[in-house]
């Protein structure tokens, strides 16, 4: 029975995205909601200018509709369900505002970094308040052990850091056709297995719904991409991934499962620190995926390599939590 629920959840998420995208993509094109490619980026990316963006709207719609339908049909929605939907929608709206300002209002940088950070922190604090009101524990699990640490009020800091950090990390990774769609689908698949192992069926169903939506989006987002997800999708996915980790108490394990996102973020941080302190760059360009492009790798080779790394790290994360 449960296996059928999981199958129909991923199928529904996939089909909603696959059926909505051919309707939504021409609509975005008519509205001239096209991607602007930064001039300092790889020259090969200039041909992507004008490709419809904000496709993340379809992903968010698919996730929310699939999760609600499957939950109400087979289970009673829990506080965890509403927290997952709240963060996904909240970060999705924040990303939409960023995309709208960039694409429609033609302000290339979108929301300022302070505006975006403030929005992310507000969502994180509301999330924490609901979490504590529902008496959800403030413990985190320690990988490779069966131990936990209760952080008390400091858990608020962890929540803010994880939600803000991973939403931005996934956003930074979204620079090549299909890169985030594939790596995020793998990460959510791993988290779904872990949530299932913990008997958190609502979290597992949500994670599977996200994976299904991303696989459907990948049909149109794989190289050469017909549509980009934009910040609408990447911020929502990063926030949702961090939320799943928080609810399963796998915050630290997410560093392994989401290693690709961590690696991309570290490359940006190290590049900035190195340039400001020594005047030299460690990488030809950051985030890291652009470095590999500039050393001669094809876009598809970079994407498949990062998918493979993500898959290996996801399997390692599952092994640590489920079988170790």
C-alpha atoms as a PDB file:
ATOM      1  CA  UNK A   1       0.000   0.000   0.000  1.00  0.00           C
ATOM      2  CA  UNK A   2       2.668   2.491   1.048  1.00  0.00           C
ATOM      3  CA  UNK A   3       4.793   1.669  -1.971  1.00  0.00           C
ATOM      4  CA  UNK A   4       1.815   2.503  -4.188  1.00  0.00           C
ATOM      5  CA  UNK A   5       1.338   5.852  -2.423  1.00  0.00           C
ATOM      6  CA  UNK A   6       4.984   6.733  -3.055  1.00  0.00           C
ATOM      7  CA  UNK A   7       4.718   5.656  -6.706  1.00  0.00           C
ATOM      8  CA  UNK A   8       1.567   7.676  -7.352  1.00  0.00           C
ATOM      9  CA  UNK A   9       3.042  10.689  -5.534  1.00  0.00           C
ATOM     10  CA  UNK A  10       6.151  10.830  -7.710  1.00  0.00           C
ATOM     11  CA  UNK A  11       4.045  10.129 -10.799  1.00  0.00           C
ATOM     12  CA  UNK A  12       1.601  12.912  -9.975  1.00  0.00           C
ATOM     13  CA  UNK A  13       4.399  15.406  -9.311  1.00  0.00           C
ATOM     14  CA  UNK A  14       6.042  14.422 -12.595  1.00  0.00           C
ATOM     15  CA  UNK A  15       2.864  14.617 -14.671  1.00  0.00           C
ATOM     16  CA  UNK A  16       1.695  17.977 -13.310  1.00  0.00           C
ATOM     17  CA  UNK A  17       5.034  19.538 -14.243  1.00  0.00           C
ATOM     18  CA  UNK A  18       5.199  17.831 -17.641  1.00  0.00           C
ATOM     19  CA  UNK A  19       1.631  18.857 -18.524  1.00  0.00           C
ATOM     20  CA  UNK A  20       1.839  22.443 -17.223  1.00  0.00           C
ATOM     21  CA  UNK A  21       5.254  23.320 -18.669  1.00  0.00           C
ATOM     22  CA  UNK A  22       4.264  23.262 -22.395  1.00  0.00           C
ATOM     23  CA  UNK A  23       1.453  25.686 -21.516  1.00  0.00           C
ATOM     24  CA  UNK A  24       3.522  27.867 -19.225  1.00  0.00           C
ATOM     25  CA  UNK A  25       6.697  28.184 -21.340  1.00  0.00           C
ATOM     26  CA  UNK A  26       5.007  29.882 -24.342  1.00  0.00           C
ATOM     27  CA  UNK A  27       3.154  32.123 -21.881  1.00  0.00           C
ATOM     28  CA  UNK A  28       6.468  33.245 -20.358  1.00  0.00           C
ATOM     29  CA  UNK A  29       7.873  33.797 -23.843  1.00  0.00           C
ATOM     30  CA  UNK A  30       4.918  35.981 -24.857  1.00  0.00           C
ATOM     31  CA  UNK A  31       5.394  38.071 -21.724  1.00  0.00           C
ATOM     32  CA  UNK A  32       9.107  38.363 -22.622  1.00  0.00           C
ATOM     33  CA  UNK A  33      10.100  36.869 -19.269  1.00  0.00           C
ATOM     34  CA  UNK A  34      13.523  35.934 -20.616  1.00  0.00           C
ATOM     35  CA  UNK A  35      16.764  35.253 -18.781  1.00  0.00           C
ATOM     36  CA  UNK A  36      19.457  37.947 -18.760  1.00  0.00           C
ATOM     37  CA  UNK A  37      22.947  36.456 -18.940  1.00  0.00           C
ATOM     38  CA  UNK A  38      25.695  38.355 -17.131  1.00  0.00           C
ATOM     39  CA  UNK A  39      28.454  39.555 -19.459  1.00  0.00           C
ATOM     40  CA  UNK A  40      31.303  38.377 -17.212  1.00  0.00           C
ATOM     41  CA  UNK A  41      30.028  34.785 -17.395  1.00  0.00           C
ATOM     42  CA  UNK A  42      31.246  32.130 -19.853  1.00  0.00           C
ATOM     43  CA  UNK A  43      30.808  33.357 -23.441  1.00  0.00           C
ATOM     44  CA  UNK A  44      28.999  30.159 -24.391  1.00  0.00           C
ATOM     45  CA  UNK A  45      26.123  31.214 -22.123  1.00  0.00           C
ATOM     46  CA  UNK A  46      25.289  34.332 -24.136  1.00  0.00           C
ATOM     47  CA  UNK A  47      23.179  32.256 -26.522  1.00  0.00           C
ATOM     48  CA  UNK A  48      20.877  31.474 -23.573  1.00  0.00           C
ATOM     49  CA  UNK A  49      19.790  35.112 -23.356  1.00  0.00           C
ATOM     50  CA  UNK A  50      16.021  35.351 -23.658  1.00  0.00           C
ATOM     51  CA  UNK A  51      15.310  31.748 -22.598  1.00  0.00           C
ATOM     52  CA  UNK A  52      12.100  31.851 -20.517  1.00  0.00           C
ATOM     53  CA  UNK A  53      12.750  31.933 -16.776  1.00  0.00           C
ATOM     54  CA  UNK A  54      10.558  31.779 -13.643  1.00  0.00           C
ATOM     55  CA  UNK A  55       9.699  28.174 -14.504  1.00  0.00           C
ATOM     56  CA  UNK A  56       9.992  27.528 -10.786  1.00  0.00           C
ATOM     57  CA  UNK A  57       6.368  28.627 -10.557  1.00  0.00           C
ATOM     58  CA  UNK A  58       5.391  25.315 -12.178  1.00  0.00           C
ATOM     59  CA  UNK A  59       7.625  23.380  -9.786  1.00  0.00           C
ATOM     60  CA  UNK A  60       6.128  25.058  -6.706  1.00  0.00           C
ATOM     61  CA  UNK A  61       2.563  24.539  -7.978  1.00  0.00           C
ATOM     62  CA  UNK A  62       3.284  20.859  -8.634  1.00  0.00           C
ATOM     63  CA  UNK A  63       4.839  20.340  -5.186  1.00  0.00           C
ATOM     64  CA  UNK A  64       1.985  22.017  -3.311  1.00  0.00           C
ATOM     65  CA  UNK A  65      -0.848  20.400  -5.291  1.00  0.00           C
ATOM     66  CA  UNK A  66       0.711  16.917  -5.183  1.00  0.00           C
ATOM     67  CA  UNK A  67       1.505  17.103  -1.466  1.00  0.00           C
ATOM     68  CA  UNK A  68      -1.948  18.348  -0.477  1.00  0.00           C
ATOM     69  CA  UNK A  69      -3.839  15.869  -2.674  1.00  0.00           C
ATOM     70  CA  UNK A  70      -1.815  12.841  -1.579  1.00  0.00           C
ATOM     71  CA  UNK A  71      -1.838  13.825   2.095  1.00  0.00           C
ATOM     72  CA  UNK A  72      -5.583  14.395   2.223  1.00  0.00           C
ATOM     73  CA  UNK A  73      -6.310  11.213   0.304  1.00  0.00           C
ATOM     74  CA  UNK A  74      -4.125   8.849   2.308  1.00  0.00           C
ATOM     75  CA  UNK A  75      -3.160  10.607   5.559  1.00  0.00           C
ATOM     76  CA  UNK A  76      -4.140  13.452   7.826  1.00  0.00           C
ATOM     77  CA  UNK A  77      -1.870  16.462   7.209  1.00  0.00           C
ATOM     78  CA  UNK A  78       0.356  17.225  10.210  1.00  0.00           C
ATOM     79  CA  UNK A  79       2.157  20.311  11.485  1.00  0.00           C
ATOM     80  CA  UNK A  80       5.204  19.065   9.578  1.00  0.00           C
ATOM     81  CA  UNK A  81       3.172  19.082   6.365  1.00  0.00           C
ATOM     82  CA  UNK A  82       2.145  22.695   6.821  1.00  0.00           C
ATOM     83  CA  UNK A  83       5.676  23.735   7.795  1.00  0.00           C
ATOM     84  CA  UNK A  84       7.044  22.199   4.596  1.00  0.00           C
ATOM     85  CA  UNK A  85       4.426  23.918   2.461  1.00  0.00           C
ATOM     86  CA  UNK A  86       4.877  27.225   4.297  1.00  0.00           C
ATOM     87  CA  UNK A  87       8.634  27.354   3.727  1.00  0.00           C
ATOM     88  CA  UNK A  88       8.365  26.198   0.113  1.00  0.00           C
ATOM     89  CA  UNK A  89       5.727  28.799  -0.688  1.00  0.00           C
ATOM     90  CA  UNK A  90       7.417  31.520   1.377  1.00  0.00           C
ATOM     91  CA  UNK A  91      10.821  31.129  -0.250  1.00  0.00           C
ATOM     92  CA  UNK A  92       9.128  30.647  -3.623  1.00  0.00           C
ATOM     93  CA  UNK A  93       7.351  34.009  -3.271  1.00  0.00           C
ATOM     94  CA  UNK A  94      10.617  35.653  -2.233  1.00  0.00           C
ATOM     95  CA  UNK A  95      12.297  34.192  -5.308  1.00  0.00           C
ATOM     96  CA  UNK A  96       9.376  35.293  -7.489  1.00  0.00           C
ATOM     97  CA  UNK A  97       9.778  38.874  -6.295  1.00  0.00           C
ATOM     98  CA  UNK A  98      13.485  38.688  -7.102  1.00  0.00           C
ATOM     99  CA  UNK A  99      12.790  37.291 -10.581  1.00  0.00           C
ATOM    100  CA  UNK A 100       9.984  39.784 -11.219  1.00  0.00           C
ATOM    101  CA  UNK A 101      12.219  42.744 -10.404  1.00  0.00           C
ATOM    102  CA  UNK A 102      15.008  41.405 -12.622  1.00  0.00           C
ATOM    103  CA  UNK A 103      12.915  40.286 -15.572  1.00  0.00           C
ATOM    104  CA  UNK A 104       9.919  42.624 -15.615  1.00  0.00           C
ATOM    105  CA  UNK A 105      11.214  45.769 -13.951  1.00  0.00           C
ATOM    106  CA  UNK A 106      14.615  45.304 -15.651  1.00  0.00           C
ATOM    107  CA  UNK A 107      16.624  45.791 -12.451  1.00  0.00           C
ATOM    108  CA  UNK A 108      19.346  43.276 -13.206  1.00  0.00           C
ATOM    109  CA  UNK A 109      20.259  42.463  -9.593  1.00  0.00           C
ATOM    110  CA  UNK A 110      16.663  41.938  -8.420  1.00  0.00           C
ATOM    111  CA  UNK A 111      16.126  42.284  -4.691  1.00  0.00           C
ATOM    112  CA  UNK A 112      19.081  43.728  -2.829  1.00  0.00           C
ATOM    113  CA  UNK A 113      21.046  41.264  -0.714  1.00  0.00           C
ATOM    114  CA  UNK A 114      19.718  42.923   2.448  1.00  0.00           C
ATOM    115  CA  UNK A 115      16.095  42.702   1.273  1.00  0.00           C
ATOM    116  CA  UNK A 116      16.487  39.030   0.357  1.00  0.00           C
ATOM    117  CA  UNK A 117      18.246  38.197   3.620  1.00  0.00           C
ATOM    118  CA  UNK A 118      15.570  39.986   5.657  1.00  0.00           C
ATOM    119  CA  UNK A 119      12.829  38.016   3.910  1.00  0.00           C
ATOM    120  CA  UNK A 120      14.665  34.742   4.485  1.00  0.00           C
ATOM    121  CA  UNK A 121      15.194  35.506   8.182  1.00  0.00           C
ATOM    122  CA  UNK A 122      11.537  36.488   8.704  1.00  0.00           C
ATOM    123  CA  UNK A 123      10.369  33.183   7.168  1.00  0.00           C
ATOM    124  CA  UNK A 124      12.913  31.276   9.286  1.00  0.00           C
ATOM    125  CA  UNK A 125      11.791  32.947  12.535  1.00  0.00           C
ATOM    126  CA  UNK A 126       8.112  32.240  11.798  1.00  0.00           C
ATOM    127  CA  UNK A 127       9.090  28.641  11.038  1.00  0.00           C
ATOM    128  CA  UNK A 128      10.862  28.396  14.417  1.00  0.00           C
ATOM    129  CA  UNK A 129       7.887  29.857  16.293  1.00  0.00           C
ATOM    130  CA  UNK A 130       5.515  27.314  14.738  1.00  0.00           C
ATOM    131  CA  UNK A 131       8.037  24.556  15.429  1.00  0.00           C
ATOM    132  CA  UNK A 132       8.252  25.416  19.114  1.00  0.00           C
ATOM    133  CA  UNK A 133       4.487  25.930  19.434  1.00  0.00           C
ATOM    134  CA  UNK A 134       4.045  22.389  18.102  1.00  0.00           C
ATOM    135  CA  UNK A 135       6.571  21.153  20.703  1.00  0.00           C
ATOM    136  CA  UNK A 136       8.871  19.709  18.063  1.00  0.00           C
ATOM    137  CA  UNK A 137      12.229  18.906  19.756  1.00  0.00           C
ATOM    138  CA  UNK A 138      15.211  21.245  19.399  1.00  0.00           C
ATOM    139  CA  UNK A 139      17.662  18.369  19.068  1.00  0.00           C
ATOM    140  CA  UNK A 140      19.989  17.579  16.185  1.00  0.00           C
ATOM    141  CA  UNK A 141      21.413  14.140  15.395  1.00  0.00           C
ATOM    142  CA  UNK A 142      25.148  13.541  15.223  1.00  0.00           C
ATOM    143  CA  UNK A 143      26.168  11.586  12.093  1.00  0.00           C
ATOM    144  CA  UNK A 144      28.039   8.269  12.610  1.00  0.00           C
ATOM    145  CA  UNK A 145      26.549   8.008  16.107  1.00  0.00           C
ATOM    146  CA  UNK A 146      23.142   7.426  17.623  1.00  0.00           C
ATOM    147  CA  UNK A 147      23.533  10.494  19.799  1.00  0.00           C
ATOM    148  CA  UNK A 148      21.721  13.823  19.740  1.00  0.00           C
ATOM    149  CA  UNK A 149      22.373  17.290  21.138  1.00  0.00           C
ATOM    150  CA  UNK A 150      19.589  19.508  22.454  1.00  0.00           C
ATOM    151  CA  UNK A 151      20.417  23.066  21.409  1.00  0.00           C
ATOM    152  CA  UNK A 152      17.574  24.801  23.240  1.00  0.00           C
ATOM    153  CA  UNK A 153      17.124  28.438  22.167  1.00  0.00           C
ATOM    154  CA  UNK A 154      20.270  28.246  20.005  1.00  0.00           C
ATOM    155  CA  UNK A 155      18.265  26.032  17.653  1.00  0.00           C
ATOM    156  CA  UNK A 156      16.782  29.255  16.255  1.00  0.00           C
ATOM    157  CA  UNK A 157      20.254  30.231  15.029  1.00  0.00           C
ATOM    158  CA  UNK A 158      20.693  26.812  13.406  1.00  0.00           C
ATOM    159  CA  UNK A 159      17.326  27.084  11.660  1.00  0.00           C
ATOM    160  CA  UNK A 160      18.095  30.546  10.304  1.00  0.00           C
ATOM    161  CA  UNK A 161      21.568  29.460   9.178  1.00  0.00           C
ATOM    162  CA  UNK A 162      20.297  26.294   7.474  1.00  0.00           C
ATOM    163  CA  UNK A 163      17.267  27.850   5.747  1.00  0.00           C
ATOM    164  CA  UNK A 164      19.153  30.925   4.580  1.00  0.00           C
ATOM    165  CA  UNK A 165      22.318  28.982   3.793  1.00  0.00           C
ATOM    166  CA  UNK A 166      20.804  26.170   1.755  1.00  0.00           C
ATOM    167  CA  UNK A 167      18.311  28.354  -0.097  1.00  0.00           C
ATOM    168  CA  UNK A 168      21.244  30.502  -1.233  1.00  0.00           C
ATOM    169  CA  UNK A 169      23.419  27.437  -1.902  1.00  0.00           C
ATOM    170  CA  UNK A 170      20.856  25.900  -4.261  1.00  0.00           C
ATOM    171  CA  UNK A 171      20.399  29.325  -5.846  1.00  0.00           C
ATOM    172  CA  UNK A 172      24.155  29.575  -6.522  1.00  0.00           C
ATOM    173  CA  UNK A 173      24.183  26.085  -8.037  1.00  0.00           C
ATOM    174  CA  UNK A 174      21.468  27.005 -10.535  1.00  0.00           C
ATOM    175  CA  UNK A 175      23.828  28.093 -13.309  1.00  0.00           C
ATOM    176  CA  UNK A 176      23.804  25.269 -15.865  1.00  0.00           C
ATOM    177  CA  UNK A 177      21.026  23.483 -17.751  1.00  0.00           C
ATOM    178  CA  UNK A 178      19.557  20.765 -15.546  1.00  0.00           C
ATOM    179  CA  UNK A 179      22.185  21.089 -12.814  1.00  0.00           C
ATOM    180  CA  UNK A 180      19.878  21.949  -9.915  1.00  0.00           C
ATOM    181  CA  UNK A 181      16.951  19.920 -11.255  1.00  0.00           C
ATOM    182  CA  UNK A 182      19.050  16.755 -11.159  1.00  0.00           C
ATOM    183  CA  UNK A 183      21.083  17.310  -7.994  1.00  0.00           C
ATOM    184  CA  UNK A 184      18.051  18.476  -6.004  1.00  0.00           C
ATOM    185  CA  UNK A 185      15.943  15.507  -7.212  1.00  0.00           C
ATOM    186  CA  UNK A 186      18.695  13.179  -5.973  1.00  0.00           C
ATOM    187  CA  UNK A 187      18.953  14.970  -2.611  1.00  0.00           C
ATOM    188  CA  UNK A 188      15.185  14.923  -2.046  1.00  0.00           C
ATOM    189  CA  UNK A 189      15.094  11.245  -3.025  1.00  0.00           C
ATOM    190  CA  UNK A 190      17.686  10.496  -0.343  1.00  0.00           C
ATOM    191  CA  UNK A 191      15.793  12.529   2.256  1.00  0.00           C
ATOM    192  CA  UNK A 192      12.581  10.708   1.329  1.00  0.00           C
ATOM    193  CA  UNK A 193      14.237   7.345   2.101  1.00  0.00           C
ATOM    194  CA  UNK A 194      15.519   8.661   5.429  1.00  0.00           C
ATOM    195  CA  UNK A 195      12.115  10.130   6.355  1.00  0.00           C
ATOM    196  CA  UNK A 196      10.466   6.814   5.429  1.00  0.00           C
ATOM    197  CA  UNK A 197      12.984   4.973   7.610  1.00  0.00           C
ATOM    198  CA  UNK A 198      12.012   7.291  10.490  1.00  0.00           C
ATOM    199  CA  UNK A 199       8.301   6.645   9.827  1.00  0.00           C
ATOM    200  CA  UNK A 200       7.769  10.329   9.011  1.00  0.00           C
ATOM    201  CA  UNK A 201       5.487   9.464   6.115  1.00  0.00           C
ATOM    202  CA  UNK A 202       4.286  13.030   5.544  1.00  0.00           C
ATOM    203  CA  UNK A 203       7.864  14.267   5.115  1.00  0.00           C
ATOM    204  CA  UNK A 204       8.649  11.324   2.838  1.00  0.00           C
ATOM    205  CA  UNK A 205       5.630  12.029   0.633  1.00  0.00           C
ATOM    206  CA  UNK A 206       6.543  15.706   0.376  1.00  0.00           C
ATOM    207  CA  UNK A 207      10.142  14.828  -0.568  1.00  0.00           C
ATOM    208  CA  UNK A 208       8.954  12.376  -3.215  1.00  0.00           C
ATOM    209  CA  UNK A 209       6.529  15.009  -4.575  1.00  0.00           C
ATOM    210  CA  UNK A 210       9.459  17.412  -4.975  1.00  0.00           C
ATOM    211  CA  UNK A 211      11.585  14.751  -6.686  1.00  0.00           C
ATOM    212  CA  UNK A 212       8.739  13.985  -9.100  1.00  0.00           C
ATOM    213  CA  UNK A 213       8.198  17.661  -9.904  1.00  0.00           C
ATOM    214  CA  UNK A 214      11.924  18.119 -10.558  1.00  0.00           C
ATOM    215  CA  UNK A 215      12.150  15.101 -12.839  1.00  0.00           C
ATOM    216  CA  UNK A 216       9.223  16.494 -14.808  1.00  0.00           C
ATOM    217  CA  UNK A 217      10.895  19.900 -15.001  1.00  0.00           C
ATOM    218  CA  UNK A 218      14.136  18.262 -16.115  1.00  0.00           C
ATOM    219  CA  UNK A 219      12.377  17.203 -19.340  1.00  0.00           C
ATOM    220  CA  UNK A 220      12.361  20.884 -20.331  1.00  0.00           C
ATOM    221  CA  UNK A 221      15.373  22.091 -18.327  1.00  0.00           C
ATOM    222  CA  UNK A 222      18.002  19.587 -19.508  1.00  0.00           C
ATOM    223  CA  UNK A 223      20.561  20.838 -22.038  1.00  0.00           C
ATOM    224  CA  UNK A 224      19.627  22.705 -24.172  1.00  0.00           C
ATOM    225  CA  UNK A 225      17.162  24.183 -21.679  1.00  0.00           C
ATOM    226  CA  UNK A 226      13.810  25.430 -22.924  1.00  0.00           C
ATOM    227  CA  UNK A 227      13.107  27.077 -19.569  1.00  0.00           C
ATOM    228  CA  UNK A 228      14.967  28.046 -16.391  1.00  0.00           C
ATOM    229  CA  UNK A 229      13.524  27.759 -12.883  1.00  0.00           C
ATOM    230  CA  UNK A 230      14.860  31.159 -11.754  1.00  0.00           C
ATOM    231  CA  UNK A 231      15.081  32.216  -8.124  1.00  0.00           C
ATOM    232  CA  UNK A 232      11.410  31.261  -7.778  1.00  0.00           C
ATOM    233  CA  UNK A 233      12.408  27.628  -8.020  1.00  0.00           C
ATOM    234  CA  UNK A 234      15.919  27.568  -6.573  1.00  0.00           C
ATOM    235  CA  UNK A 235      15.114  29.495  -3.375  1.00  0.00           C
ATOM    236  CA  UNK A 236      11.980  27.384  -2.796  1.00  0.00           C
ATOM    237  CA  UNK A 237      13.917  24.148  -3.315  1.00  0.00           C
ATOM    238  CA  UNK A 238      16.778  25.172  -1.032  1.00  0.00           C
ATOM    239  CA  UNK A 239      14.406  26.217   1.729  1.00  0.00           C
ATOM    240  CA  UNK A 240      12.376  23.025   1.344  1.00  0.00           C
ATOM    241  CA  UNK A 241      15.488  20.822   1.448  1.00  0.00           C
ATOM    242  CA  UNK A 242      16.694  22.485   4.647  1.00  0.00           C
ATOM    243  CA  UNK A 243      13.218  22.102   6.171  1.00  0.00           C
ATOM    244  CA  UNK A 244      13.139  18.374   5.413  1.00  0.00           C
ATOM    245  CA  UNK A 245      16.557  18.048   7.086  1.00  0.00           C
ATOM    246  CA  UNK A 246      15.352  19.978  10.146  1.00  0.00           C
ATOM    247  CA  UNK A 247      12.183  17.916  10.543  1.00  0.00           C
ATOM    248  CA  UNK A 248      14.091  14.623  10.208  1.00  0.00           C
ATOM    249  CA  UNK A 249      16.855  15.939  12.523  1.00  0.00           C
ATOM    250  CA  UNK A 250      19.355  15.384   9.714  1.00  0.00           C
ATOM    251  CA  UNK A 251      20.718  18.940   9.667  1.00  0.00           C
ATOM    252  CA  UNK A 252      24.361  17.839   9.821  1.00  0.00           C
ATOM    253  CA  UNK A 253      23.848  14.916   7.457  1.00  0.00           C
ATOM    254  CA  UNK A 254      22.517  17.375   4.866  1.00  0.00           C
ATOM    255  CA  UNK A 255      26.082  18.663   4.535  1.00  0.00           C
ATOM    256  CA  UNK A 256      26.928  15.255   3.038  1.00  0.00           C
ATOM    257  CA  UNK A 257      23.722  14.674   1.063  1.00  0.00           C
ATOM    258  CA  UNK A 258      23.780  18.241  -0.241  1.00  0.00           C
ATOM    259  CA  UNK A 259      27.555  18.281  -0.731  1.00  0.00           C
ATOM    260  CA  UNK A 260      27.287  19.675  -4.275  1.00  0.00           C
ATOM    261  CA  UNK A 261      25.433  22.728  -2.958  1.00  0.00           C
ATOM    262  CA  UNK A 262      27.936  23.119  -0.103  1.00  0.00           C
ATOM    263  CA  UNK A 263      30.851  22.816  -2.514  1.00  0.00           C
ATOM    264  CA  UNK A 264      29.406  25.459  -4.843  1.00  0.00           C
ATOM    265  CA  UNK A 265      28.890  27.882  -1.953  1.00  0.00           C
ATOM    266  CA  UNK A 266      32.370  27.321  -0.535  1.00  0.00           C
ATOM    267  CA  UNK A 267      33.882  28.036  -3.947  1.00  0.00           C
ATOM    268  CA  UNK A 268      32.241  31.475  -3.950  1.00  0.00           C
ATOM    269  CA  UNK A 269      33.292  32.226  -0.362  1.00  0.00           C
ATOM    270  CA  UNK A 270      36.900  31.119  -0.956  1.00  0.00           C
ATOM    271  CA  UNK A 271      37.082  33.066  -4.214  1.00  0.00           C
ATOM    272  CA  UNK A 272      35.930  36.285  -2.543  1.00  0.00           C
ATOM    273  CA  UNK A 273      38.251  35.861   0.465  1.00  0.00           C
ATOM    274  CA  UNK A 274      41.248  35.065  -1.743  1.00  0.00           C
ATOM    275  CA  UNK A 275      40.687  37.991  -4.086  1.00  0.00           C
ATOM    276  CA  UNK A 276      40.121  40.496  -1.283  1.00  0.00           C
ATOM    277  CA  UNK A 277      43.146  39.380   0.748  1.00  0.00           C
ATOM    278  CA  UNK A 278      45.684  38.493  -1.960  1.00  0.00           C
ATOM    279  CA  UNK A 279      44.258  39.949  -5.164  1.00  0.00           C
ATOM    280  CA  UNK A 280      44.375  36.462  -6.715  1.00  0.00           C
ATOM    281  CA  UNK A 281      41.587  34.087  -7.694  1.00  0.00           C
ATOM    282  CA  UNK A 282      41.594  30.422  -6.697  1.00  0.00           C
ATOM    283  CA  UNK A 283      39.180  29.436  -9.454  1.00  0.00           C
ATOM    284  CA  UNK A 284      38.895  30.740 -12.994  1.00  0.00           C
ATOM    285  CA  UNK A 285      35.342  31.691 -12.040  1.00  0.00           C
ATOM    286  CA  UNK A 286      32.904  30.897  -9.250  1.00  0.00           C
ATOM    287  CA  UNK A 287      30.559  29.169  -8.517  1.00  0.00           C
ATOM    288  CA  UNK A 288      32.584  26.023  -9.135  1.00  0.00           C
ATOM    289  CA  UNK A 289      30.607  24.765 -12.143  1.00  0.00           C
ATOM    290  CA  UNK A 290      31.804  27.773 -14.160  1.00  0.00           C
ATOM    291  CA  UNK A 291      35.432  26.958 -13.295  1.00  0.00           C
ATOM    292  CA  UNK A 292      35.116  23.552 -14.950  1.00  0.00           C
ATOM    293  CA  UNK A 293      33.510  25.124 -18.008  1.00  0.00           C
ATOM    294  CA  UNK A 294      36.393  27.565 -18.362  1.00  0.00           C
ATOM    295  CA  UNK A 295      38.993  24.788 -18.154  1.00  0.00           C
ATOM    296  CA  UNK A 296      37.372  23.206 -21.196  1.00  0.00           C
ATOM    297  CA  UNK A 297      34.646  20.872 -19.944  1.00  0.00           C
ATOM    298  CA  UNK A 298      31.383  20.859 -21.887  1.00  0.00           C
ATOM    299  CA  UNK A 299      28.305  22.024 -20.026  1.00  0.00           C
ATOM    300  CA  UNK A 300      26.780  18.558 -20.201  1.00  0.00           C
ATOM    301  CA  UNK A 301      29.971  16.952 -18.816  1.00  0.00           C
ATOM    302  CA  UNK A 302      29.962  19.338 -15.839  1.00  0.00           C
ATOM    303  CA  UNK A 303      26.289  18.644 -15.125  1.00  0.00           C
ATOM    304  CA  UNK A 304      26.590  14.849 -15.337  1.00  0.00           C
ATOM    305  CA  UNK A 305      29.724  14.906 -13.156  1.00  0.00           C
ATOM    306  CA  UNK A 306      27.968  16.982 -10.499  1.00  0.00           C
ATOM    307  CA  UNK A 307      24.922  14.699 -10.684  1.00  0.00           C
ATOM    308  CA  UNK A 308      27.237  11.726 -10.109  1.00  0.00           C
ATOM    309  CA  UNK A 309      28.905  13.383  -7.120  1.00  0.00           C
ATOM    310  CA  UNK A 310      25.450  14.219  -5.742  1.00  0.00           C
ATOM    311  CA  UNK A 311      24.313  10.611  -6.177  1.00  0.00           C
ATOM    312  CA  UNK A 312      27.386   9.182  -4.443  1.00  0.00           C
ATOM    313  CA  UNK A 313      26.945  11.620  -1.534  1.00  0.00           C
ATOM    314  CA  UNK A 314      23.218  10.797  -1.307  1.00  0.00           C
ATOM    315  CA  UNK A 315      23.966   7.066  -1.119  1.00  0.00           C
ATOM    316  CA  UNK A 316      26.598   7.749   1.538  1.00  0.00           C
ATOM    317  CA  UNK A 317      24.095   9.809   3.546  1.00  0.00           C
ATOM    318  CA  UNK A 318      21.489   7.039   3.352  1.00  0.00           C
ATOM    319  CA  UNK A 319      24.078   4.461   4.399  1.00  0.00           C
ATOM    320  CA  UNK A 320      25.129   6.538   7.423  1.00  0.00           C
ATOM    321  CA  UNK A 321      21.558   7.037   8.661  1.00  0.00           C
ATOM    322  CA  UNK A 322      19.789   3.840   7.623  1.00  0.00           C
ATOM    323  CA  UNK A 323      22.374   1.066   7.635  1.00  0.00           C
ATOM    324  CA  UNK A 324      25.358   2.201   9.704  1.00  0.00           C
END
